[in-house]
PDB file of N, CA and C in Angstrom:
ATOM      1  N   MET A   1      -0.533 -11.493   6.896  1.00  0.00           N
ATOM      2  CA  MET A   1      -0.267 -11.535   5.473  1.00  0.00           C
ATOM      3  C   MET A   1       1.130 -10.958   5.231  1.00  0.00           C
ATOM      4  N   SER A   2       1.894 -11.641   4.403  1.00  0.00           N
ATOM      5  CA  SER A   2       3.250 -11.184   4.104  1.00  0.00           C
ATOM      6  C   SER A   2       3.206 -10.001   3.132  1.00  0.00           C
ATOM      7  N   ILE A   3       4.301  -9.270   3.062  1.00  0.00           N
ATOM      8  CA  ILE A   3       4.398  -8.154   2.125  1.00  0.00           C
ATOM      9  C   ILE A   3       4.254  -8.673   0.695  1.00  0.00           C
ATOM     10  N   GLU A   4       4.868  -9.803   0.431  1.00  0.00           N
ATOM     11  CA  GLU A   4       4.785 -10.391  -0.911  1.00  0.00           C
ATOM     12  C   GLU A   4       3.338 -10.703  -1.279  1.00  0.00           C
ATOM     13  N   GLN A   5       2.589 -11.314  -0.357  1.00  0.00           N
ATOM     14  CA  GLN A   5       1.194 -11.653  -0.624  1.00  0.00           C
ATOM     15  C   GLN A   5       0.343 -10.386  -0.784  1.00  0.00           C
ATOM     16  N   LEU A   6       0.605  -9.377   0.036  1.00  0.00           N
ATOM     17  CA  LEU A   6      -0.110  -8.106  -0.083  1.00  0.00           C
ATOM     18  C   LEU A   6       0.162  -7.470  -1.433  1.00  0.00           C
ATOM     19  N   PHE A   7       1.419  -7.514  -1.868  1.00  0.00           N
ATOM     20  CA  PHE A   7       1.797  -6.956  -3.166  1.00  0.00           C
ATOM     21  C   PHE A   7       1.065  -7.683  -4.297  1.00  0.00           C
ATOM     22  N   ILE A   8       1.036  -8.992  -4.234  1.00  0.00           N
ATOM     23  CA  ILE A   8       0.351  -9.787  -5.267  1.00  0.00           C
ATOM     24  C   ILE A   8      -1.143  -9.462  -5.280  1.00  0.00           C
ATOM     25  N   ASN A   9      -1.762  -9.461  -4.099  1.00  0.00           N
ATOM     26  CA  ASN A   9      -3.207  -9.203  -4.026  1.00  0.00           C
ATOM     27  C   ASN A   9      -3.577  -7.821  -4.541  1.00  0.00           C
ATOM     28  N   THR A  10      -2.809  -6.804  -4.126  1.00  0.00           N
ATOM     29  CA  THR A  10      -3.133  -5.448  -4.569  1.00  0.00           C
ATOM     30  C   THR A  10      -2.837  -5.271  -6.052  1.00  0.00           C
ATOM     31  N   SER A  11      -1.797  -5.921  -6.537  1.00  0.00           N
ATOM     32  CA  SER A  11      -1.468  -5.812  -7.962  1.00  0.00           C
ATOM     33  C   SER A  11      -2.556  -6.436  -8.833  1.00  0.00           C
ATOM     34  N   LEU A  12      -3.085  -7.556  -8.403  1.00  0.00           N
ATOM     35  CA  LEU A  12      -4.125  -8.228  -9.188  1.00  0.00           C
ATOM     36  C   LEU A  12      -5.468  -7.503  -9.122  1.00  0.00           C
ATOM     37  N   SER A  13      -5.826  -7.014  -7.940  1.00  0.00           N
ATOM     38  CA  SER A  13      -7.137  -6.379  -7.764  1.00  0.00           C
ATOM     39  C   SER A  13      -7.115  -4.872  -7.990  1.00  0.00           C
ATOM     40  N   GLN A  14      -5.924  -4.273  -7.914  1.00  0.00           N
ATOM     41  CA  GLN A  14      -5.735  -2.826  -7.985  1.00  0.00           C
ATOM     42  C   GLN A  14      -6.512  -2.124  -6.869  1.00  0.00           C
ATOM     43  N   LYS A  15      -6.651  -2.823  -5.742  1.00  0.00           N
ATOM     44  CA  LYS A  15      -7.331  -2.285  -4.561  1.00  0.00           C
ATOM     45  C   LYS A  15      -6.564  -2.733  -3.325  1.00  0.00           C
ATOM     46  N   ILE A  16      -6.603  -1.884  -2.296  1.00  0.00           N
ATOM     47  CA  ILE A  16      -6.023  -2.230  -1.004  1.00  0.00           C
ATOM     48  C   ILE A  16      -6.986  -1.739   0.061  1.00  0.00           C
ATOM     49  N   THR A  17      -7.186  -2.547   1.088  1.00  0.00           N
ATOM     50  CA  THR A  17      -8.093  -2.120   2.149  1.00  0.00           C
ATOM     51  C   THR A  17      -7.414  -1.053   3.000  1.00  0.00           C
ATOM     52  N   GLN A  18      -8.220  -0.251   3.640  1.00  0.00           N
ATOM     53  CA  GLN A  18      -7.681   0.791   4.512  1.00  0.00           C
ATOM     54  C   GLN A  18      -6.861   0.157   5.630  1.00  0.00           C
ATOM     55  N   ASN A  19      -7.317  -0.971   6.132  1.00  0.00           N
ATOM     56  CA  ASN A  19      -6.599  -1.681   7.186  1.00  0.00           C
ATOM     57  C   ASN A  19      -5.215  -2.122   6.701  1.00  0.00           C
ATOM     58  N   ASP A  20      -5.150  -2.698   5.497  1.00  0.00           N
ATOM     59  CA  ASP A  20      -3.853  -3.110   4.943  1.00  0.00           C
ATOM     60  C   ASP A  20      -2.976  -1.901   4.649  1.00  0.00           C
ATOM     61  N   TRP A  21      -3.579  -0.795   4.215  1.00  0.00           N
ATOM     62  CA  TRP A  21      -2.828   0.443   3.953  1.00  0.00           C
ATOM     63  C   TRP A  21      -2.178   0.949   5.245  1.00  0.00           C
ATOM     64  N   GLU A  22      -2.928   0.899   6.350  1.00  0.00           N
ATOM     65  CA  GLU A  22      -2.392   1.334   7.643  1.00  0.00           C
ATOM     66  C   GLU A  22      -1.287   0.390   8.123  1.00  0.00           C
ATOM     67  N   LYS A  23      -1.468  -0.920   7.901  1.00  0.00           N
ATOM     68  CA  LYS A  23      -0.422  -1.889   8.256  1.00  0.00           C
ATOM     69  C   LYS A  23       0.837  -1.630   7.440  1.00  0.00           C
ATOM     70  N   LEU A  24       0.649  -1.255   6.178  1.00  0.00           N
ATOM     71  CA  LEU A  24       1.779  -0.964   5.310  1.00  0.00           C
ATOM     72  C   LEU A  24       2.589   0.204   5.856  1.00  0.00           C
ATOM     73  N   SER A  25       1.918   1.165   6.472  1.00  0.00           N
ATOM     74  CA  SER A  25       2.596   2.307   7.081  1.00  0.00           C
ATOM     75  C   SER A  25       3.528   1.845   8.198  1.00  0.00           C
ATOM     76  N   ILE A  26       3.073   0.911   8.985  1.00  0.00           N
ATOM     77  CA  ILE A  26       3.888   0.371  10.076  1.00  0.00           C
ATOM     78  C   ILE A  26       5.037  -0.461   9.509  1.00  0.00           C
ATOM     79  N   ILE A  27       4.723  -1.298   8.538  1.00  0.00           N
ATOM     80  CA  ILE A  27       5.731  -2.159   7.923  1.00  0.00           C
ATOM     81  C   ILE A  27       6.820  -1.325   7.253  1.00  0.00           C
ATOM     82  N   ALA A  28       6.428  -0.232   6.610  1.00  0.00           N
ATOM     83  CA  ALA A  28       7.387   0.611   5.881  1.00  0.00           C
ATOM     84  C   ALA A  28       8.446   1.203   6.798  1.00  0.00           C
ATOM     85  N   ASN A  29       8.137   1.324   8.086  1.00  0.00           N
ATOM     86  CA  ASN A  29       9.077   1.904   9.043  1.00  0.00           C
ATOM     87  C   ASN A  29       9.888   0.851   9.792  1.00  0.00           C
ATOM     88  N   SER A  30       9.758  -0.406   9.402  1.00  0.00           N
ATOM     89  CA  SER A  30      10.512  -1.467  10.047  1.00  0.00           C
ATOM     90  C   SER A  30      11.615  -1.953   9.097  1.00  0.00           C
ATOM     91  N   PRO A  31      12.590  -2.684   9.625  1.00  0.00           N
ATOM     92  CA  PRO A  31      13.673  -3.172   8.764  1.00  0.00           C
ATOM     93  C   PRO A  31      13.119  -4.142   7.706  1.00  0.00           C
ATOM     94  N   LEU A  32      13.424  -3.876   6.445  1.00  0.00           N
ATOM     95  CA  LEU A  32      12.945  -4.701   5.342  1.00  0.00           C
ATOM     96  C   LEU A  32      14.099  -5.074   4.420  1.00  0.00           C
ATOM     97  N   THR A  33      13.931  -6.168   3.715  1.00  0.00           N
ATOM     98  CA  THR A  33      14.898  -6.525   2.687  1.00  0.00           C
ATOM     99  C   THR A  33      14.723  -5.554   1.515  1.00  0.00           C
ATOM    100  N   PRO A  34      15.708  -5.454   0.644  1.00  0.00           N
ATOM    101  CA  PRO A  34      15.556  -4.579  -0.532  1.00  0.00           C
ATOM    102  C   PRO A  34      14.331  -4.939  -1.381  1.00  0.00           C
ATOM    103  N   GLU A  35      14.035  -6.221  -1.505  1.00  0.00           N
ATOM    104  CA  GLU A  35      12.868  -6.652  -2.281  1.00  0.00           C
ATOM    105  C   GLU A  35      11.568  -6.190  -1.624  1.00  0.00           C
ATOM    106  N   GLU A  36      11.498  -6.307  -0.303  1.00  0.00           N
ATOM    107  CA  GLU A  36      10.305  -5.864   0.415  1.00  0.00           C
ATOM    108  C   GLU A  36      10.141  -4.351   0.326  1.00  0.00           C
ATOM    109  N   GLN A  37      11.256  -3.617   0.429  1.00  0.00           N
ATOM    110  CA  GLN A  37      11.197  -2.156   0.291  1.00  0.00           C
ATOM    111  C   GLN A  37      10.648  -1.775  -1.077  1.00  0.00           C
ATOM    112  N   LEU A  38      11.084  -2.468  -2.104  1.00  0.00           N
ATOM    113  CA  LEU A  38      10.620  -2.190  -3.459  1.00  0.00           C
ATOM    114  C   LEU A  38       9.124  -2.466  -3.595  1.00  0.00           C
ATOM    115  N   MET A  39       8.646  -3.555  -3.019  1.00  0.00           N
ATOM    116  CA  MET A  39       7.214  -3.873  -3.084  1.00  0.00           C
ATOM    117  C   MET A  39       6.387  -2.804  -2.378  1.00  0.00           C
ATOM    118  N   VAL A  40       6.836  -2.372  -1.208  1.00  0.00           N
ATOM    119  CA  VAL A  40       6.123  -1.324  -0.467  1.00  0.00           C
ATOM    120  C   VAL A  40       6.098  -0.041  -1.291  1.00  0.00           C
ATOM    121  N   ARG A  41       7.235   0.351  -1.839  1.00  0.00           N
ATOM    122  CA  ARG A  41       7.292   1.582  -2.639  1.00  0.00           C
ATOM    123  C   ARG A  41       6.396   1.495  -3.874  1.00  0.00           C
ATOM    124  N   ARG A  42       6.324   0.342  -4.480  1.00  0.00           N
ATOM    125  CA  ARG A  42       5.465   0.184  -5.665  1.00  0.00           C
ATOM    126  C   ARG A  42       3.997   0.297  -5.317  1.00  0.00           C
ATOM    127  N   ILE A  43       3.589  -0.270  -4.192  1.00  0.00           N
ATOM    128  CA  ILE A  43       2.193  -0.138  -3.763  1.00  0.00           C
ATOM    129  C   ILE A  43       1.878   1.327  -3.484  1.00  0.00           C
ATOM    130  N   VAL A  44       2.758   1.981  -2.734  1.00  0.00           N
ATOM    131  CA  VAL A  44       2.550   3.395  -2.394  1.00  0.00           C
ATOM    132  C   VAL A  44       2.484   4.242  -3.666  1.00  0.00           C
ATOM    133  N   HIS A  45       3.397   4.013  -4.579  1.00  0.00           N
ATOM    134  CA  HIS A  45       3.419   4.763  -5.832  1.00  0.00           C
ATOM    135  C   HIS A  45       2.125   4.553  -6.614  1.00  0.00           C
ATOM    136  N   SER A  46       1.649   3.336  -6.660  1.00  0.00           N
ATOM    137  CA  SER A  46       0.422   3.033  -7.394  1.00  0.00           C
ATOM    138  C   SER A  46      -0.792   3.714  -6.783  1.00  0.00           C
ATOM    139  N   VAL A  47      -0.839   3.788  -5.462  1.00  0.00           N
ATOM    140  CA  VAL A  47      -1.946   4.486  -4.800  1.00  0.00           C
ATOM    141  C   VAL A  47      -1.842   5.986  -5.071  1.00  0.00           C
ATOM    142  N   ARG A  48      -0.651   6.527  -4.942  1.00  0.00           N
ATOM    143  CA  ARG A  48      -0.462   7.974  -5.167  1.00  0.00           C
ATOM    144  C   ARG A  48      -0.817   8.377  -6.592  1.00  0.00           C
ATOM    145  N   ARG A  49      -0.530   7.512  -7.553  1.00  0.00           N
ATOM    146  CA  ARG A  49      -0.835   7.807  -8.955  1.00  0.00           C
ATOM    147  C   ARG A  49      -2.301   7.542  -9.300  1.00  0.00           C
ATOM    148  N   GLY A  50      -3.030   6.906  -8.390  1.00  0.00           N
ATOM    149  CA  GLY A  50      -4.439   6.622  -8.642  1.00  0.00           C
ATOM    150  C   GLY A  50      -4.677   5.306  -9.356  1.00  0.00           C
ATOM    151  N   TRP A  51      -3.636   4.499  -9.482  1.00  0.00           N
ATOM    152  CA  TRP A  51      -3.778   3.215 -10.148  1.00  0.00           C
ATOM    153  C   TRP A  51      -4.406   2.171  -9.226  1.00  0.00           C
ATOM    154  N   PHE A  52      -4.189   2.309  -7.920  1.00  0.00           N
ATOM    155  CA  PHE A  52      -4.797   1.429  -6.925  1.00  0.00           C
ATOM    156  C   PHE A  52      -5.747   2.259  -6.079  1.00  0.00           C
ATOM    157  N   CYS A  53      -6.863   1.660  -5.663  1.00  0.00           N
ATOM    158  CA  CYS A  53      -7.849   2.326  -4.811  1.00  0.00           C
ATOM    159  C   CYS A  53      -7.692   1.821  -3.377  1.00  0.00           C
ATOM    160  N   ILE A  54      -7.966   2.707  -2.432  1.00  0.00           N
ATOM    161  CA  ILE A  54      -8.009   2.312  -1.023  1.00  0.00           C
ATOM    162  C   ILE A  54      -9.479   2.142  -0.655  1.00  0.00           C
ATOM    163  N   LEU A  55      -9.805   0.981  -0.100  1.00  0.00           N
ATOM    164  CA  LEU A  55     -11.174   0.684   0.282  1.00  0.00           C
ATOM    165  C   LEU A  55     -11.362   0.831   1.783  1.00  0.00           C
ATOM    166  N   SER A  56     -12.489   1.405   2.187  1.00  0.00           N
ATOM    167  CA  SER A  56     -12.823   1.510   3.603  1.00  0.00           C
ATOM    168  C   SER A  56     -13.156   0.116   4.130  1.00  0.00           C
ATOM    169  N   PRO A  57     -13.250  -0.046   5.442  1.00  0.00           N
ATOM    170  CA  PRO A  57     -13.608  -1.353   5.996  1.00  0.00           C
ATOM    171  C   PRO A  57     -14.954  -1.872   5.474  1.00  0.00           C
ATOM    172  N   GLU A  58     -15.830  -0.967   5.063  1.00  0.00           N
ATOM    173  CA  GLU A  58     -17.129  -1.369   4.522  1.00  0.00           C
ATOM    174  C   GLU A  58     -17.049  -1.709   3.040  1.00  0.00           C
ATOM    175  N   GLY A  59     -15.875  -1.544   2.435  1.00  0.00           N
ATOM    176  CA  GLY A  59     -15.704  -1.867   1.030  1.00  0.00           C
ATOM    177  C   GLY A  59     -15.932  -0.695   0.096  1.00  0.00           C
ATOM    178  N   ARG A  60     -16.136   0.506   0.655  1.00  0.00           N
ATOM    179  CA  ARG A  60     -16.321   1.702  -0.179  1.00  0.00           C
ATOM    180  C   ARG A  60     -14.975   2.355  -0.441  1.00  0.00           C
ATOM    181  N   LEU A  61     -14.908   3.065  -1.548  1.00  0.00           N
ATOM    182  CA  LEU A  61     -13.681   3.763  -1.920  1.00  0.00           C
ATOM    183  C   LEU A  61     -13.414   4.908  -0.955  1.00  0.00           C
ATOM    184  N   CYS A  62     -12.181   4.989  -0.456  1.00  0.00           N
ATOM    185  CA  CYS A  62     -11.770   6.104   0.400  1.00  0.00           C
ATOM    186  C   CYS A  62     -11.197   7.200  -0.483  1.00  0.00           C
ATOM    187  N   ALA A  63     -11.390   8.423  -0.087  1.00  0.00           N
ATOM    188  CA  ALA A  63     -10.996   9.563  -0.915  1.00  0.00           C
ATOM    189  C   ALA A  63      -9.495   9.802  -0.930  1.00  0.00           C
ATOM    190  N   ALA A  64      -8.819   9.680   0.195  1.00  0.00           N
ATOM    191  CA  ALA A  64      -7.416  10.081   0.243  1.00  0.00           C
ATOM    192  C   ALA A  64      -6.578   9.031   0.957  1.00  0.00           C
ATOM    193  N   ALA A  65      -5.298   8.993   0.599  1.00  0.00           N
ATOM    194  CA  ALA A  65      -4.363   8.096   1.232  1.00  0.00           C
ATOM    195  C   ALA A  65      -3.850   8.714   2.519  1.00  0.00           C
ATOM    196  N   SER A  66      -3.349   7.872   3.390  1.00  0.00           N
ATOM    197  CA  SER A  66      -2.762   8.328   4.641  1.00  0.00           C
ATOM    198  C   SER A  66      -1.530   9.172   4.359  1.00  0.00           C
ATOM    199  N   GLU A  67      -1.345  10.228   5.112  1.00  0.00           N
ATOM    200  CA  GLU A  67      -0.182  11.095   4.952  1.00  0.00           C
ATOM    201  C   GLU A  67       1.122  10.351   5.248  1.00  0.00           C
ATOM    202  N   ASP A  68       1.056   9.344   6.126  1.00  0.00           N
ATOM    203  CA  ASP A  68       2.260   8.608   6.499  1.00  0.00           C
ATOM    204  C   ASP A  68       2.962   8.019   5.270  1.00  0.00           C
ATOM    205  N   LEU A  69       2.191   7.420   4.377  1.00  0.00           N
ATOM    206  CA  LEU A  69       2.782   6.764   3.232  1.00  0.00           C
ATOM    207  C   LEU A  69       2.857   7.652   2.010  1.00  0.00           C
ATOM    208  N   SER A  70       2.059   8.691   1.960  1.00  0.00           N
ATOM    209  CA  SER A  70       2.064   9.518   0.758  1.00  0.00           C
ATOM    210  C   SER A  70       3.367  10.293   0.611  1.00  0.00           C
ATOM    211  N   THR A  71       4.153  10.358   1.670  1.00  0.00           N
ATOM    212  CA  THR A  71       5.415  11.089   1.584  1.00  0.00           C
ATOM    213  C   THR A  71       6.585  10.190   1.204  1.00  0.00           C
ATOM    214  N   LEU A  72       6.373   8.887   1.120  1.00  0.00           N
ATOM    215  CA  LEU A  72       7.450   7.993   0.721  1.00  0.00           C
ATOM    216  C   LEU A  72       7.773   8.203  -0.745  1.00  0.00           C
ATOM    217  N   SER A  73       9.027   8.031  -1.087  1.00  0.00           N
ATOM    218  CA  SER A  73       9.396   8.220  -2.484  1.00  0.00           C
ATOM    219  C   SER A  73       8.956   7.018  -3.301  1.00  0.00           C
ATOM    220  N   PRO A  74       8.458   7.235  -4.513  1.00  0.00           N
ATOM    221  CA  PRO A  74       7.953   6.147  -5.340  1.00  0.00           C
ATOM    222  C   PRO A  74       9.070   5.279  -5.896  1.00  0.00           C
ATOM    223  N   ALA A  75       8.689   4.119  -6.371  1.00  0.00           N
ATOM    224  CA  ALA A  75       9.641   3.175  -6.970  1.00  0.00           C
ATOM    225  C   ALA A  75      10.065   3.653  -8.348  1.00  0.00           C
TER     226      ALA A  75
END
């Protein structure tokens, strides 16, 4: 799934799976275009603010975000 598609899906549902959240951590540390960086920062910011929920693989709400992404600066 592309960053753009992940951004669209999470924006519409206001949810992100734990698996996608972990992938986002890896993606955030790779070379990205300015647009992709902005999308990643917006997703991270939305999770940190509580606007988006992180779902476990079973579909249940996870309590906390990964430390890897919680330290990124918001959009």
